[in-house]
């Protein structure tokens, strides 16, 4: 009987950790869409970033810290999380988790950029990578190179 109770309690704690970590899912008043970092698109960098935010009584994010995620995508996730506003609450301070998923769309996608909100705390940022500029007919790729300069010995 004790073993069964302990197993049930452990399973409960695994599925509802925010109840014991002081986390909540405050109602969102203002949501700002994340921007895919431009420098990551040519390298086709994608991944997930989890950010823990501290929200004050007025609903403003006071602190945003990365819990885990791709190093290059972290700054975009934190910057976005800091701009969100939540509903006011009587609690002095609330903690919530925001999950960002950065996805590269296939080259043949009709959609260029898309942000999907996955309530209560998830966001998926989808973007099609920019195609490299192709040289026009008759042009060489790589552009014009300057003529070599002669070095004088004086």
Protein backbone atom coordinates (compact mmCIF):
# COMPACT_ATOMS: atom_id res chain seq x y z
CA UNK A 1 0.00 0.00 0.00
CA UNK A 2 2.81 2.42 0.92
CA UNK A 3 4.72 1.60 -2.25
CA UNK A 4 1.61 2.28 -4.33
CA UNK A 5 1.04 5.62 -2.56
CA UNK A 6 4.70 6.60 -2.98
CA UNK A 7 4.61 5.75 -6.70
CA UNK A 8 1.41 7.77 -7.14
CA UNK A 9 2.88 10.74 -5.26
CA UNK A 10 6.07 10.62 -7.33
CA UNK A 11 4.10 10.50 -10.59
CA UNK A 12 2.01 13.48 -9.42
CA UNK A 13 5.13 15.50 -8.56
CA UNK A 14 6.67 14.77 -11.97
CA UNK A 15 3.61 16.01 -13.87
CA UNK A 16 2.88 19.06 -11.71
CA UNK A 17 6.27 20.48 -10.67
CA UNK A 18 5.15 24.11 -10.96
CA UNK A 19 2.87 23.71 -7.95
CA UNK A 20 5.85 23.03 -5.72
CA UNK A 21 8.36 25.33 -7.40
CA UNK A 22 6.21 28.43 -6.95
CA UNK A 23 5.41 28.60 -10.66
CA UNK A 24 2.13 29.71 -12.13
CA UNK A 25 0.59 30.37 -15.52
CA UNK A 26 -0.52 33.98 -15.21
CA UNK A 27 -3.02 35.23 -17.78
CA UNK A 28 -1.24 37.03 -20.59
CA UNK A 29 -2.31 40.63 -21.23
CA UNK A 30 0.21 41.55 -23.96
CA UNK A 31 2.03 39.01 -26.11
CA UNK A 32 4.97 39.96 -28.32
CA UNK A 33 5.96 37.65 -31.16
CA UNK A 34 9.56 36.46 -31.11
CA UNK A 35 11.83 37.20 -34.04
CA UNK A 36 14.02 34.51 -35.52
CA UNK A 37 17.63 35.71 -35.16
CA UNK A 38 18.71 36.70 -38.69
CA UNK A 39 22.27 35.41 -38.27
CA UNK A 40 21.02 31.90 -37.53
CA UNK A 41 19.01 31.46 -40.73
CA UNK A 42 21.88 30.92 -43.21
CA UNK A 43 23.27 28.25 -40.88
CA UNK A 44 19.79 26.72 -40.52
CA UNK A 45 20.04 26.85 -36.72
CA UNK A 46 16.88 25.65 -34.97
CA UNK A 47 15.94 24.40 -31.53
CA UNK A 48 14.07 24.99 -28.29
CA UNK A 49 14.73 27.48 -25.52
CA UNK A 50 13.08 27.44 -22.08
CA UNK A 51 12.99 30.75 -20.19
CA UNK A 52 11.92 31.23 -16.56
CA UNK A 53 10.41 34.66 -15.92
CA UNK A 54 9.72 36.51 -12.68
CA UNK A 55 6.60 38.67 -12.90
CA UNK A 56 5.77 41.48 -10.46
CA UNK A 57 2.35 42.40 -9.05
CA UNK A 58 1.63 44.75 -11.97
CA UNK A 59 2.29 42.00 -14.53
CA UNK A 60 5.69 43.24 -15.71
CA UNK A 61 8.55 40.79 -16.22
CA UNK A 62 11.33 41.73 -13.79
CA UNK A 63 13.72 38.94 -14.67
CA UNK A 64 14.09 36.41 -17.49
CA UNK A 65 16.67 33.63 -17.38
CA UNK A 66 17.35 30.75 -19.72
CA UNK A 67 16.79 27.35 -18.15
CA UNK A 68 17.96 25.42 -21.21
CA UNK A 69 18.26 25.82 -24.93
CA UNK A 70 20.40 26.46 -27.97
CA UNK A 71 23.11 29.00 -27.21
CA UNK A 72 22.56 31.12 -30.32
CA UNK A 73 18.76 31.30 -29.89
CA UNK A 74 18.80 32.23 -26.19
CA UNK A 75 19.02 36.01 -26.59
CA UNK A 76 15.97 36.17 -28.89
CA UNK A 77 13.90 34.11 -26.44
CA UNK A 78 14.92 36.20 -23.40
CA UNK A 79 14.30 39.50 -25.23
CA UNK A 80 10.82 38.36 -26.20
CA UNK A 81 9.97 37.00 -22.74
CA UNK A 82 10.93 40.35 -21.16
CA UNK A 83 8.41 42.22 -23.33
CA UNK A 84 5.38 40.18 -22.29
CA UNK A 85 2.83 41.61 -19.84
CA UNK A 86 0.59 39.53 -17.60
CA UNK A 87 -2.60 40.35 -15.75
CA UNK A 88 -2.19 42.12 -12.41
CA UNK A 89 -2.28 39.90 -9.33
CA UNK A 90 -2.28 40.30 -5.57
CA UNK A 91 0.83 38.11 -5.30
CA UNK A 92 4.04 40.06 -4.75
CA UNK A 93 5.94 37.99 -7.30
CA UNK A 94 5.12 35.13 -9.64
CA UNK A 95 7.35 32.75 -11.56
CA UNK A 96 6.38 31.25 -14.92
CA UNK A 97 8.09 29.27 -17.66
CA UNK A 98 7.99 30.23 -21.32
CA UNK A 99 8.98 27.72 -24.01
CA UNK A 100 10.17 28.90 -27.42
CA UNK A 101 10.63 26.58 -30.37
CA UNK A 102 12.52 27.97 -33.38
CA UNK A 103 11.72 26.05 -36.58
CA UNK A 104 13.24 26.39 -40.08
CA UNK A 105 10.56 26.11 -42.76
CA UNK A 106 11.33 24.16 -45.93
CA UNK A 107 12.53 26.15 -48.95
CA UNK A 108 9.30 25.39 -50.87
CA UNK A 109 7.08 26.75 -48.06
CA UNK A 110 4.53 29.36 -49.11
CA UNK A 111 4.82 30.95 -45.67
CA UNK A 112 7.85 33.21 -45.08
CA UNK A 113 7.44 33.86 -41.32
CA UNK A 114 4.91 32.52 -38.82
CA UNK A 115 4.55 32.68 -35.04
CA UNK A 116 2.23 30.23 -33.34
CA UNK A 117 1.14 30.67 -29.73
CA UNK A 118 0.74 27.38 -27.89
CA UNK A 119 -1.12 28.23 -24.66
CA UNK A 120 -0.42 28.53 -21.86
CA UNK A 121 3.34 29.06 -22.24
CA UNK A 122 4.62 27.79 -25.57
CA UNK A 123 5.54 29.59 -28.77
CA UNK A 124 6.73 28.33 -32.11
CA UNK A 125 8.62 30.71 -34.37
CA UNK A 126 8.79 29.48 -37.95
CA UNK A 127 10.84 31.11 -40.68
CA UNK A 128 11.90 30.27 -44.18
CA UNK A 129 15.63 30.81 -44.71
CA UNK A 130 16.67 33.56 -47.10
CA UNK A 131 17.98 32.18 -50.37
CA UNK A 132 21.48 33.38 -51.28
CA UNK A 133 21.51 35.92 -54.11
CA UNK A 134 22.17 34.27 -57.45
CA UNK A 135 24.21 36.10 -60.08
CA UNK A 136 22.29 37.40 -63.10
CA UNK A 137 22.91 35.83 -66.49
CA UNK A 138 26.34 36.77 -67.79
CA UNK A 139 27.68 37.75 -64.33
CA UNK A 140 30.21 35.79 -62.36
CA UNK A 141 29.22 34.77 -58.83
CA UNK A 142 31.28 36.46 -56.14
CA UNK A 143 31.19 39.92 -57.69
CA UNK A 144 33.95 42.09 -59.10
CA UNK A 145 37.42 41.71 -57.67
CA UNK A 146 39.73 44.68 -57.58
CA UNK A 147 42.78 44.56 -59.81
CA UNK A 148 46.00 43.66 -57.98
CA UNK A 149 48.14 46.67 -57.00
CA UNK A 150 51.82 46.86 -57.70
CA UNK A 151 54.00 47.32 -54.62
CA UNK A 152 56.89 49.73 -55.17
CA UNK A 153 60.22 49.28 -53.43
CA UNK A 154 61.47 52.69 -52.42
